[in-house]
Amino acid sequence: MSLVKLTIKGISYSQTQNGAYALILNEVDGERKLPIVIGAFEAQSIAIALEKEIKPPRPLTHDLFKNFADRFDIVVKQVIIHKLVDGVFYSSIICERDKIEEIIDARTSDAIALALRFNAPIFTYKNILDKAGIYLNVNPAETTNENQDNDNILTPTDTYEEDVVVPADNYSGYSLKELYQKLDDAVQNEDYEKAAKIRDEISKKES
């Protein structure tokens, strides 16, 4: 079975499961997306890895794993989402130490959080993407969805019915000084998703 490389498009709040988030993966050489429902802690861990300028006051669990692996010369080479059963994705972490390769079973959210920290590629098999992949709606005007965002997502099958909508927090009315204070507060409270949004607004104002 052929492997398909994936990249991370973003994280969105789950509309069907309270306290859950949808991690959206992109097919590198295609238009399909692979949405995976993950928990709030894993969403924060992935968000903090994506937003490299935000550093937590203490290591998160995945940061601890990275520090541990670095100390003992363990390298994560790649992550493979290798199975989909009853709506649950199963993943493997391909590691290497002293030129010996090991395959470790992992939850997909944990595997991706670690892949980000090791700059390791993420793959899935073509048959999984064929089964669970979704397509961007490239012409929103032809649908009944009134959302004008070009990132409207359509599900061609009933394999995955998550309706993904990114919640928007408006920080545009705050001054840079206020934004930096809110950023510090968010980091101290370990609210990394909020911190990332504030960081984005700071970048807009400083650009």
N, C-alpha and C. Protein backbone atom coordinates (compact mmCIF):
# COMPACT_ATOMS: atom_id res chain seq x y z
N MET A 1 0.84 -1.20 0.00
CA MET A 1 0.00 0.00 0.00
C MET A 1 0.88 1.24 0.00
N SER A 2 0.49 2.22 -0.81
CA SER A 2 1.30 3.42 -0.94
C SER A 2 1.00 4.41 0.18
N LEU A 3 2.06 5.12 0.61
CA LEU A 3 1.93 6.13 1.65
C LEU A 3 1.65 7.49 1.05
N VAL A 4 0.85 8.29 1.75
CA VAL A 4 0.53 9.65 1.34
C VAL A 4 1.01 10.60 2.44
N LYS A 5 1.80 11.60 2.06
CA LYS A 5 2.31 12.54 3.05
C LYS A 5 1.24 13.56 3.42
N LEU A 6 1.20 13.92 4.71
CA LEU A 6 0.22 14.87 5.22
C LEU A 6 0.93 16.03 5.92
N THR A 7 0.29 17.19 5.90
CA THR A 7 0.73 18.33 6.69
C THR A 7 -0.44 18.80 7.55
N ILE A 8 -0.16 19.61 8.55
CA ILE A 8 -1.21 20.08 9.44
C ILE A 8 -1.80 21.38 8.92
N LYS A 9 -3.12 21.38 8.69
CA LYS A 9 -3.82 22.59 8.25
C LYS A 9 -4.19 23.46 9.44
N GLY A 10 -4.62 22.84 10.53
CA GLY A 10 -4.99 23.61 11.72
C GLY A 10 -5.83 22.79 12.67
N ILE A 11 -6.28 23.45 13.73
CA ILE A 11 -7.11 22.82 14.74
C ILE A 11 -8.39 23.63 14.89
N SER A 12 -9.52 22.96 14.89
CA SER A 12 -10.81 23.63 15.01
C SER A 12 -11.62 23.00 16.14
N TYR A 13 -12.51 23.81 16.72
CA TYR A 13 -13.36 23.30 17.79
C TYR A 13 -14.39 22.34 17.24
N SER A 14 -14.55 21.20 17.91
CA SER A 14 -15.52 20.21 17.47
C SER A 14 -16.94 20.67 17.78
N GLN A 15 -17.81 20.63 16.79
CA GLN A 15 -19.19 21.05 16.97
C GLN A 15 -20.08 19.93 17.50
N THR A 16 -19.58 18.69 17.50
CA THR A 16 -20.42 17.56 17.91
C THR A 16 -19.98 16.94 19.22
N GLN A 17 -18.78 17.24 19.68
CA GLN A 17 -18.29 16.67 20.93
C GLN A 17 -17.76 17.77 21.83
N ASN A 18 -18.42 18.00 22.96
CA ASN A 18 -18.00 19.04 23.89
C ASN A 18 -16.60 18.76 24.41
N GLY A 19 -15.77 19.79 24.44
CA GLY A 19 -14.42 19.65 24.95
C GLY A 19 -13.46 19.00 23.99
N ALA A 20 -13.91 18.69 22.78
CA ALA A 20 -13.05 18.05 21.79
C ALA A 20 -12.70 19.04 20.68
N TYR A 21 -11.67 18.71 19.94
CA TYR A 21 -11.21 19.54 18.84
C TYR A 21 -11.00 18.68 17.61
N ALA A 22 -11.03 19.30 16.45
CA ALA A 22 -10.78 18.59 15.20
C ALA A 22 -9.43 19.03 14.65
N LEU A 23 -8.52 18.08 14.56
CA LEU A 23 -7.22 18.31 13.93
C LEU A 23 -7.38 18.03 12.44
N ILE A 24 -7.05 19.02 11.60
CA ILE A 24 -7.23 18.87 10.15
C ILE A 24 -5.87 18.68 9.50
N LEU A 25 -5.70 17.54 8.82
CA LEU A 25 -4.47 17.23 8.10
C LEU A 25 -4.71 17.39 6.60
N ASN A 26 -3.71 17.95 5.91
CA ASN A 26 -3.77 18.16 4.47
C ASN A 26 -3.05 17.05 3.73
N GLU A 27 -3.60 16.60 2.63
CA GLU A 27 -2.87 15.76 1.69
C GLU A 27 -1.89 16.66 0.93
N VAL A 28 -0.59 16.34 0.94
CA VAL A 28 0.42 17.22 0.36
C VAL A 28 0.22 17.39 -1.14
N ASP A 29 0.03 16.31 -1.85
CA ASP A 29 -0.09 16.39 -3.31
C ASP A 29 -1.54 16.19 -3.77
N GLY A 30 -2.47 16.77 -3.05
CA GLY A 30 -3.87 16.66 -3.42
C GLY A 30 -4.71 17.64 -2.63
N GLU A 31 -6.03 17.53 -2.75
CA GLU A 31 -6.94 18.48 -2.13
C GLU A 31 -7.69 17.91 -0.93
N ARG A 32 -7.48 16.63 -0.63
CA ARG A 32 -8.24 16.03 0.46
C ARG A 32 -7.69 16.42 1.83
N LYS A 33 -8.61 16.47 2.80
CA LYS A 33 -8.28 16.74 4.19
C LYS A 33 -8.66 15.52 5.03
N LEU A 34 -7.90 15.30 6.09
CA LEU A 34 -8.19 14.20 7.00
C LEU A 34 -8.46 14.78 8.38
N PRO A 35 -9.73 14.88 8.80
CA PRO A 35 -10.05 15.43 10.13
C PRO A 35 -10.03 14.34 11.19
N ILE A 36 -9.42 14.65 12.32
CA ILE A 36 -9.31 13.69 13.41
C ILE A 36 -9.72 14.38 14.71
N VAL A 37 -10.69 13.84 15.43
CA VAL A 37 -11.14 14.43 16.68
C VAL A 37 -10.13 14.09 17.77
N ILE A 38 -9.68 15.13 18.48
CA ILE A 38 -8.70 14.95 19.57
C ILE A 38 -9.18 15.69 20.81
N GLY A 39 -8.57 15.39 21.94
CA GLY A 39 -8.94 16.02 23.19
C GLY A 39 -8.32 17.41 23.34
N ALA A 40 -8.79 18.13 24.37
CA ALA A 40 -8.33 19.50 24.59
C ALA A 40 -6.85 19.56 24.92
N PHE A 41 -6.36 18.63 25.76
CA PHE A 41 -4.95 18.65 26.14
C PHE A 41 -4.06 18.43 24.92
N GLU A 42 -4.42 17.44 24.09
CA GLU A 42 -3.63 17.16 22.91
C GLU A 42 -3.69 18.32 21.92
N ALA A 43 -4.86 18.96 21.83
CA ALA A 43 -4.99 20.13 20.95
C ALA A 43 -4.05 21.25 21.40
N GLN A 44 -3.98 21.48 22.71
CA GLN A 44 -3.08 22.51 23.23
C GLN A 44 -1.63 22.16 22.96
N SER A 45 -1.29 20.89 23.13
CA SER A 45 0.10 20.46 22.91
C SER A 45 0.51 20.64 21.45
N ILE A 46 -0.40 20.33 20.54
CA ILE A 46 -0.11 20.51 19.12
C ILE A 46 -0.05 21.99 18.78
N ALA A 47 -0.97 22.77 19.35
CA ALA A 47 -0.99 24.21 19.09
C ALA A 47 0.29 24.88 19.55
N ILE A 48 0.80 24.47 20.71
CA ILE A 48 2.01 25.10 21.24
C ILE A 48 3.22 24.72 20.39
N ALA A 49 3.20 23.52 19.80
CA ALA A 49 4.29 23.11 18.92
C ALA A 49 4.24 23.86 17.59
N LEU A 50 3.03 24.16 17.13
CA LEU A 50 2.88 24.92 15.89
C LEU A 50 3.29 26.37 16.08
N GLU A 51 2.93 26.95 17.23
CA GLU A 51 3.25 28.34 17.53
C GLU A 51 4.58 28.36 18.27
N LYS A 52 5.67 28.34 17.53
CA LYS A 52 7.00 28.12 18.10
C LYS A 52 7.47 29.27 19.00
N GLU A 53 6.87 30.45 18.85
CA GLU A 53 7.32 31.59 19.64
C GLU A 53 6.78 31.56 21.07
N ILE A 54 5.81 30.71 21.33
CA ILE A 54 5.22 30.63 22.67
C ILE A 54 5.86 29.46 23.42
N LYS A 55 6.47 29.75 24.53
CA LYS A 55 7.13 28.73 25.33
C LYS A 55 6.41 28.56 26.66
N PRO A 56 5.99 27.33 27.00
CA PRO A 56 5.32 27.11 28.30
C PRO A 56 6.31 27.27 29.44
N PRO A 57 5.83 27.70 30.61
CA PRO A 57 6.73 27.88 31.75
C PRO A 57 7.37 26.58 32.21
N ARG A 58 6.67 25.46 32.03
CA ARG A 58 7.21 24.14 32.35
C ARG A 58 6.95 23.21 31.19
N PRO A 59 7.78 22.16 30.99
CA PRO A 59 7.58 21.26 29.84
C PRO A 59 6.23 20.55 29.88
N LEU A 60 5.55 20.54 28.73
CA LEU A 60 4.37 19.70 28.60
C LEU A 60 4.81 18.24 28.48
N THR A 61 3.86 17.32 28.55
CA THR A 61 4.21 15.90 28.50
C THR A 61 4.99 15.55 27.24
N HIS A 62 4.57 16.09 26.09
CA HIS A 62 5.27 15.78 24.84
C HIS A 62 6.64 16.45 24.78
N ASP A 63 6.77 17.61 25.42
CA ASP A 63 8.09 18.24 25.52
C ASP A 63 9.02 17.40 26.37
N LEU A 64 8.48 16.82 27.45
CA LEU A 64 9.27 15.96 28.32
C LEU A 64 9.76 14.73 27.55
N PHE A 65 8.88 14.15 26.75
CA PHE A 65 9.26 13.00 25.93
C PHE A 65 10.38 13.39 24.96
N LYS A 66 10.27 14.58 24.36
CA LYS A 66 11.30 15.04 23.44
C LYS A 66 12.63 15.22 24.17
N ASN A 67 12.61 15.83 25.34
CA ASN A 67 13.84 16.01 26.12
C ASN A 67 14.45 14.67 26.51
N PHE A 68 13.60 13.74 26.90
CA PHE A 68 14.04 12.40 27.27
C PHE A 68 14.69 11.71 26.07
N ALA A 69 14.03 11.79 24.92
CA ALA A 69 14.55 11.14 23.71
C ALA A 69 15.89 11.77 23.28
N ASP A 70 15.98 13.09 23.36
CA ASP A 70 17.23 13.75 23.00
C ASP A 70 18.37 13.30 23.90
N ARG A 71 18.09 13.15 25.19
CA ARG A 71 19.13 12.75 26.14
C ARG A 71 19.68 11.36 25.82
N PHE A 72 18.81 10.48 25.31
CA PHE A 72 19.23 9.11 25.03
C PHE A 72 19.36 8.83 23.54
N ASP A 73 19.50 9.90 22.76
CA ASP A 73 19.78 9.78 21.31
C ASP A 73 18.73 8.96 20.57
N ILE A 74 17.48 9.18 20.93
CA ILE A 74 16.37 8.54 20.21
C ILE A 74 15.77 9.57 19.26
N VAL A 75 15.59 9.19 18.01
CA VAL A 75 15.06 10.10 17.00
C VAL A 75 13.75 9.55 16.45
N VAL A 76 12.72 10.39 16.39
CA VAL A 76 11.48 10.01 15.71
C VAL A 76 11.65 10.31 14.23
N LYS A 77 11.64 9.27 13.42
CA LYS A 77 11.89 9.41 11.98
C LYS A 77 10.62 9.80 11.21
N GLN A 78 9.49 9.19 11.58
CA GLN A 78 8.23 9.49 10.91
C GLN A 78 7.07 8.93 11.72
N VAL A 79 5.89 9.42 11.39
CA VAL A 79 4.65 8.93 11.99
C VAL A 79 3.75 8.43 10.87
N ILE A 80 3.14 7.27 11.09
CA ILE A 80 2.24 6.70 10.08
C ILE A 80 0.88 6.42 10.71
N ILE A 81 -0.16 7.03 10.16
CA ILE A 81 -1.54 6.71 10.55
C ILE A 81 -1.90 5.48 9.72
N HIS A 82 -1.91 4.31 10.36
CA HIS A 82 -1.91 3.06 9.59
C HIS A 82 -3.24 2.31 9.59
N LYS A 83 -4.20 2.74 10.43
CA LYS A 83 -5.45 1.98 10.50
C LYS A 83 -6.59 2.87 10.93
N LEU A 84 -7.78 2.58 10.43
CA LEU A 84 -9.01 3.27 10.82
C LEU A 84 -10.07 2.22 11.10
N VAL A 85 -10.49 2.12 12.37
CA VAL A 85 -11.47 1.12 12.77
C VAL A 85 -12.56 1.79 13.60
N ASP A 86 -13.80 1.68 13.13
CA ASP A 86 -14.95 2.25 13.85
C ASP A 86 -14.74 3.73 14.16
N GLY A 87 -14.18 4.47 13.22
CA GLY A 87 -13.99 5.90 13.38
C GLY A 87 -12.78 6.30 14.20
N VAL A 88 -11.98 5.31 14.63
CA VAL A 88 -10.79 5.60 15.44
C VAL A 88 -9.54 5.36 14.60
N PHE A 89 -8.65 6.36 14.58
CA PHE A 89 -7.40 6.24 13.84
C PHE A 89 -6.32 5.65 14.74
N TYR A 90 -5.51 4.76 14.18
CA TYR A 90 -4.40 4.13 14.89
C TYR A 90 -3.10 4.56 14.20
N SER A 91 -2.09 4.86 15.01
CA SER A 91 -0.83 5.37 14.46
C SER A 91 0.37 4.65 15.03
N SER A 92 1.47 4.74 14.29
CA SER A 92 2.75 4.19 14.71
C SER A 92 3.80 5.29 14.64
N ILE A 93 4.69 5.29 15.64
CA ILE A 93 5.84 6.18 15.64
C ILE A 93 7.07 5.36 15.26
N ILE A 94 7.74 5.76 14.20
CA ILE A 94 8.94 5.07 13.75
C ILE A 94 10.15 5.77 14.37
N CYS A 95 10.83 5.08 15.28
CA CYS A 95 11.96 5.66 16.01
C CYS A 95 13.27 4.98 15.59
N GLU A 96 14.36 5.66 15.88
CA GLU A 96 15.68 5.08 15.60
C GLU A 96 16.67 5.45 16.69
N ARG A 97 17.45 4.47 17.11
CA ARG A 97 18.54 4.69 18.08
C ARG A 97 19.68 3.74 17.75
N ASP A 98 20.87 4.29 17.62
CA ASP A 98 22.04 3.49 17.25
C ASP A 98 21.79 2.69 15.97
N LYS A 99 21.12 3.34 15.01
CA LYS A 99 20.83 2.76 13.70
C LYS A 99 19.88 1.56 13.77
N ILE A 100 19.22 1.39 14.91
CA ILE A 100 18.22 0.33 15.05
C ILE A 100 16.84 0.98 15.07
N GLU A 101 15.98 0.53 14.18
CA GLU A 101 14.65 1.12 14.03
C GLU A 101 13.63 0.35 14.85
N GLU A 102 12.77 1.08 15.53
CA GLU A 102 11.70 0.49 16.32
C GLU A 102 10.37 1.13 15.95
N ILE A 103 9.30 0.36 16.03
CA ILE A 103 7.96 0.86 15.74
C ILE A 103 7.15 0.83 17.04
N ILE A 104 6.62 2.00 17.42
CA ILE A 104 5.89 2.12 18.68
C ILE A 104 4.45 2.52 18.40
N ASP A 105 3.52 1.79 18.97
CA ASP A 105 2.09 2.10 18.83
C ASP A 105 1.77 3.36 19.63
N ALA A 106 0.91 4.22 19.09
CA ALA A 106 0.58 5.47 19.79
C ALA A 106 -0.78 5.98 19.35
N ARG A 107 -1.42 6.75 20.22
CA ARG A 107 -2.61 7.48 19.79
C ARG A 107 -2.18 8.49 18.73
N THR A 108 -3.04 8.73 17.78
CA THR A 108 -2.69 9.61 16.66
C THR A 108 -2.36 11.02 17.14
N SER A 109 -3.11 11.54 18.11
CA SER A 109 -2.85 12.90 18.60
C SER A 109 -1.48 12.99 19.24
N ASP A 110 -1.10 11.97 20.02
CA ASP A 110 0.22 11.96 20.64
C ASP A 110 1.32 11.84 19.59
N ALA A 111 1.08 10.98 18.62
CA ALA A 111 2.08 10.77 17.56
C ALA A 111 2.34 12.06 16.79
N ILE A 112 1.28 12.80 16.49
CA ILE A 112 1.44 14.04 15.74
C ILE A 112 2.10 15.12 16.59
N ALA A 113 1.74 15.19 17.87
CA ALA A 113 2.38 16.15 18.78
C ALA A 113 3.88 15.91 18.84
N LEU A 114 4.29 14.64 18.81
CA LEU A 114 5.72 14.31 18.84
C LEU A 114 6.36 14.56 17.48
N ALA A 115 5.65 14.25 16.41
CA ALA A 115 6.20 14.48 15.06
C ALA A 115 6.56 15.95 14.89
N LEU A 116 5.71 16.84 15.38
CA LEU A 116 5.99 18.27 15.29
C LEU A 116 7.27 18.63 16.03
N ARG A 117 7.46 18.05 17.19
CA ARG A 117 8.64 18.39 18.00
C ARG A 117 9.93 17.82 17.42
N PHE A 118 9.83 16.75 16.64
CA PHE A 118 11.01 16.16 16.01
C PHE A 118 11.15 16.56 14.54
N ASN A 119 10.23 17.44 14.06
CA ASN A 119 10.22 17.80 12.64
C ASN A 119 10.16 16.56 11.75
N ALA A 120 9.37 15.57 12.20
CA ALA A 120 9.24 14.32 11.47
C ALA A 120 8.02 14.36 10.55
N PRO A 121 8.11 13.75 9.38
CA PRO A 121 6.96 13.74 8.45
C PRO A 121 5.83 12.85 8.96
N ILE A 122 4.62 13.18 8.51
CA ILE A 122 3.41 12.43 8.88
C ILE A 122 2.85 11.80 7.61
N PHE A 123 2.52 10.51 7.68
CA PHE A 123 1.99 9.80 6.52
C PHE A 123 0.73 9.04 6.90
N THR A 124 -0.06 8.70 5.90
CA THR A 124 -1.13 7.73 6.05
C THR A 124 -1.15 6.90 4.78
N TYR A 125 -1.91 5.82 4.82
CA TYR A 125 -2.02 4.98 3.62
C TYR A 125 -3.13 5.50 2.72
N LYS A 126 -2.97 5.28 1.43
CA LYS A 126 -3.92 5.79 0.44
C LYS A 126 -5.33 5.27 0.71
N ASN A 127 -5.46 4.01 1.12
CA ASN A 127 -6.81 3.47 1.34
C ASN A 127 -7.51 4.15 2.51
N ILE A 128 -6.74 4.62 3.52
CA ILE A 128 -7.35 5.34 4.64
C ILE A 128 -7.83 6.71 4.18
N LEU A 129 -7.01 7.38 3.36
CA LEU A 129 -7.41 8.69 2.84
C LEU A 129 -8.61 8.56 1.90
N ASP A 130 -8.64 7.47 1.12
CA ASP A 130 -9.79 7.22 0.25
C ASP A 130 -11.07 7.04 1.06
N LYS A 131 -10.93 6.43 2.23
CA LYS A 131 -12.10 6.13 3.06
C LYS A 131 -12.55 7.32 3.89
N ALA A 132 -11.61 8.07 4.45
CA ALA A 132 -11.96 9.10 5.43
C ALA A 132 -11.63 10.51 4.98
N GLY A 133 -11.01 10.67 3.82
CA GLY A 133 -10.64 12.00 3.35
C GLY A 133 -11.85 12.81 2.92
N ILE A 134 -11.74 14.13 3.07
CA ILE A 134 -12.79 15.04 2.63
C ILE A 134 -12.18 16.07 1.71
N TYR A 135 -13.01 16.74 0.93
CA TYR A 135 -12.54 17.72 -0.04
C TYR A 135 -12.94 19.13 0.36
N LEU A 136 -12.07 20.08 0.07
CA LEU A 136 -12.45 21.48 0.21
C LEU A 136 -13.50 21.81 -0.82
N ASN A 137 -14.45 22.66 -0.43
CA ASN A 137 -15.40 23.19 -1.39
C ASN A 137 -14.75 24.36 -2.11
N VAL A 138 -14.30 24.13 -3.36
CA VAL A 138 -13.55 25.16 -4.07
C VAL A 138 -14.45 26.23 -4.67
N ASN A 139 -15.78 26.02 -4.63
CA ASN A 139 -16.70 27.02 -5.14
C ASN A 139 -17.87 27.17 -4.19
N PRO A 140 -17.66 27.88 -3.08
CA PRO A 140 -18.70 27.98 -2.04
C PRO A 140 -20.02 28.55 -2.55
N ALA A 141 -20.00 29.35 -3.62
CA ALA A 141 -21.22 29.98 -4.11
C ALA A 141 -22.23 28.96 -4.61
N GLU A 142 -21.76 27.73 -4.93
CA GLU A 142 -22.65 26.72 -5.47
C GLU A 142 -23.35 25.92 -4.37
N THR A 143 -23.04 26.22 -3.10
CA THR A 143 -23.65 25.47 -2.01
C THR A 143 -24.63 26.37 -1.26
N THR A 144 -25.39 25.75 -0.38
CA THR A 144 -26.35 26.51 0.42
C THR A 144 -25.70 27.07 1.67
N ASN A 145 -24.44 26.75 1.91
CA ASN A 145 -23.73 27.27 3.08
C ASN A 145 -23.46 28.75 2.87
N GLU A 146 -23.88 29.58 3.83
CA GLU A 146 -23.71 31.02 3.70
C GLU A 146 -22.36 31.50 4.17
N ASN A 147 -21.54 30.58 4.70
CA ASN A 147 -20.20 30.95 5.14
C ASN A 147 -19.37 31.35 3.93
N GLN A 148 -18.78 32.55 3.96
CA GLN A 148 -18.02 33.04 2.82
C GLN A 148 -16.57 32.61 2.86
N ASP A 149 -16.17 31.87 3.91
CA ASP A 149 -14.78 31.41 4.02
C ASP A 149 -14.53 30.33 2.97
N ASN A 150 -13.47 30.45 2.20
CA ASN A 150 -13.15 29.48 1.18
C ASN A 150 -12.72 28.15 1.77
N ASP A 151 -12.57 28.06 3.08
CA ASP A 151 -12.20 26.81 3.71
C ASP A 151 -13.40 26.02 4.17
N ASN A 152 -14.58 26.26 3.56
CA ASN A 152 -15.73 25.41 3.83
C ASN A 152 -15.34 23.98 3.51
N ILE A 153 -15.82 23.04 4.33
CA ILE A 153 -15.42 21.65 4.13
C ILE A 153 -16.65 20.80 3.87
N LEU A 154 -16.56 19.93 2.88
CA LEU A 154 -17.65 19.05 2.52
C LEU A 154 -17.25 17.61 2.77
N THR A 155 -18.18 16.78 3.26
CA THR A 155 -17.89 15.38 3.47
C THR A 155 -18.57 14.55 2.37
N PRO A 156 -17.79 13.87 1.53
CA PRO A 156 -18.39 13.10 0.44
C PRO A 156 -18.97 11.77 0.90
N THR A 157 -18.58 11.27 2.07
CA THR A 157 -19.10 10.01 2.56
C THR A 157 -19.54 10.19 4.00
N ASP A 158 -20.13 9.14 4.57
CA ASP A 158 -20.55 9.23 5.96
C ASP A 158 -19.49 8.69 6.91
N THR A 159 -18.27 8.50 6.41
CA THR A 159 -17.19 8.00 7.25
C THR A 159 -16.88 8.97 8.37
N TYR A 160 -16.97 10.25 8.07
CA TYR A 160 -16.62 11.27 9.07
C TYR A 160 -17.55 12.45 8.85
N GLU A 161 -18.32 12.79 9.84
CA GLU A 161 -19.34 13.81 9.66
C GLU A 161 -19.09 15.05 10.51
N GLU A 162 -17.84 15.24 10.90
CA GLU A 162 -17.53 16.39 11.74
C GLU A 162 -17.69 17.69 10.95
N ASP A 163 -18.46 18.63 11.49
CA ASP A 163 -18.62 19.95 10.87
C ASP A 163 -17.64 20.88 11.55
N VAL A 164 -16.59 21.29 10.86
CA VAL A 164 -15.50 22.03 11.48
C VAL A 164 -15.66 23.52 11.28
N VAL A 165 -15.72 24.24 12.40
CA VAL A 165 -15.83 25.70 12.36
C VAL A 165 -14.81 26.26 13.34
N VAL A 166 -13.98 27.18 12.88
CA VAL A 166 -12.96 27.79 13.74
C VAL A 166 -13.59 28.90 14.56
N PRO A 167 -13.56 28.82 15.90
CA PRO A 167 -14.10 29.90 16.71
C PRO A 167 -13.21 31.13 16.61
N ALA A 168 -13.82 32.29 16.53
CA ALA A 168 -13.05 33.53 16.37
C ALA A 168 -13.15 34.38 17.63
N ASP A 169 -12.00 34.72 18.19
CA ASP A 169 -11.94 35.66 19.31
C ASP A 169 -11.41 36.97 18.76
N ASN A 170 -12.13 38.06 19.00
CA ASN A 170 -11.75 39.34 18.42
C ASN A 170 -10.87 40.12 19.38
N TYR A 171 -9.58 40.23 19.03
CA TYR A 171 -8.64 40.98 19.86
C TYR A 171 -8.19 42.26 19.16
N SER A 172 -8.87 42.60 18.06
CA SER A 172 -8.42 43.74 17.26
C SER A 172 -8.57 45.08 17.99
N GLY A 173 -9.45 45.15 18.99
CA GLY A 173 -9.68 46.42 19.68
C GLY A 173 -8.68 46.72 20.78
N TYR A 174 -7.74 45.81 21.05
CA TYR A 174 -6.77 46.01 22.12
C TYR A 174 -5.49 46.64 21.59
N SER A 175 -4.82 47.41 22.44
CA SER A 175 -3.52 47.99 22.08
C SER A 175 -2.45 46.91 22.18
N LEU A 176 -1.26 47.20 21.62
CA LEU A 176 -0.17 46.24 21.67
C LEU A 176 0.22 45.92 23.12
N LYS A 177 0.23 46.95 23.96
CA LYS A 177 0.58 46.73 25.36
C LYS A 177 -0.41 45.78 26.03
N GLU A 178 -1.70 46.00 25.76
CA GLU A 178 -2.73 45.14 26.34
C GLU A 178 -2.63 43.71 25.79
N LEU A 179 -2.31 43.61 24.50
CA LEU A 179 -2.19 42.28 23.89
C LEU A 179 -1.02 41.50 24.49
N TYR A 180 0.11 42.18 24.70
CA TYR A 180 1.25 41.50 25.30
C TYR A 180 0.94 41.04 26.73
N GLN A 181 0.16 41.84 27.45
CA GLN A 181 -0.24 41.45 28.80
C GLN A 181 -1.15 40.22 28.75
N LYS A 182 -2.10 40.24 27.82
CA LYS A 182 -3.00 39.10 27.67
C LYS A 182 -2.24 37.85 27.23
N LEU A 183 -1.21 38.05 26.38
CA LEU A 183 -0.38 36.93 25.94
C LEU A 183 0.34 36.30 27.13
N ASP A 184 0.93 37.15 27.98
CA ASP A 184 1.61 36.64 29.17
C ASP A 184 0.65 35.88 30.08
N ASP A 185 -0.55 36.45 30.27
CA ASP A 185 -1.54 35.80 31.14
C ASP A 185 -1.96 34.45 30.57
N ALA A 186 -2.16 34.39 29.24
CA ALA A 186 -2.58 33.14 28.61
C ALA A 186 -1.52 32.06 28.75
N VAL A 187 -0.25 32.45 28.58
CA VAL A 187 0.84 31.48 28.72
C VAL A 187 0.94 30.99 30.15
N GLN A 188 0.84 31.91 31.12
CA GLN A 188 0.91 31.53 32.52
C GLN A 188 -0.23 30.58 32.90
N ASN A 189 -1.40 30.80 32.29
CA ASN A 189 -2.55 29.93 32.54
C ASN A 189 -2.54 28.68 31.68
N GLU A 190 -1.48 28.54 30.86
CA GLU A 190 -1.32 27.40 29.96
C GLU A 190 -2.49 27.27 28.99
N ASP A 191 -3.08 28.40 28.62
CA ASP A 191 -4.13 28.43 27.60
C ASP A 191 -3.46 28.76 26.27
N TYR A 192 -2.86 27.75 25.65
CA TYR A 192 -1.99 27.98 24.50
C TYR A 192 -2.75 28.29 23.22
N GLU A 193 -3.98 27.80 23.12
CA GLU A 193 -4.77 28.15 21.94
C GLU A 193 -5.10 29.65 21.95
N LYS A 194 -5.50 30.16 23.13
CA LYS A 194 -5.77 31.59 23.26
C LYS A 194 -4.50 32.39 23.00
N ALA A 195 -3.38 31.90 23.52
CA ALA A 195 -2.10 32.59 23.32
C ALA A 195 -1.75 32.68 21.84
N ALA A 196 -2.01 31.61 21.10
CA ALA A 196 -1.69 31.62 19.67
C ALA A 196 -2.54 32.65 18.93
N LYS A 197 -3.82 32.77 19.31
CA LYS A 197 -4.69 33.75 18.66
C LYS A 197 -4.23 35.18 18.96
N ILE A 198 -3.84 35.41 20.23
CA ILE A 198 -3.35 36.74 20.59
C ILE A 198 -2.06 37.04 19.86
N ARG A 199 -1.20 36.03 19.74
CA ARG A 199 0.08 36.21 19.03
C ARG A 199 -0.20 36.59 17.56
N ASP A 200 -1.20 35.98 16.95
CA ASP A 200 -1.54 36.30 15.57
C ASP A 200 -1.97 37.77 15.45
N GLU A 201 -2.75 38.25 16.44
CA GLU A 201 -3.21 39.64 16.40
C GLU A 201 -2.03 40.60 16.60
N ILE A 202 -1.09 40.23 17.46
CA ILE A 202 0.11 41.05 17.66
C ILE A 202 0.89 41.14 16.36
N SER A 203 1.03 40.02 15.67
CA SER A 203 1.77 40.00 14.40
C SER A 203 1.11 40.89 13.36
N LYS A 204 -0.23 40.89 13.33
CA LYS A 204 -0.95 41.75 12.39
C LYS A 204 -0.66 43.22 12.69
N LYS A 205 -0.70 43.58 13.97
CA LYS A 205 -0.52 44.98 14.35
C LYS A 205 0.92 45.44 14.13
N GLU A 206 1.87 44.54 14.26
CA GLU A 206 3.28 44.91 14.11
C GLU A 206 3.78 44.83 12.68
N SER A 207 2.98 44.24 11.81
CA SER A 207 3.42 44.09 10.40
C SER A 207 3.23 45.39 9.63
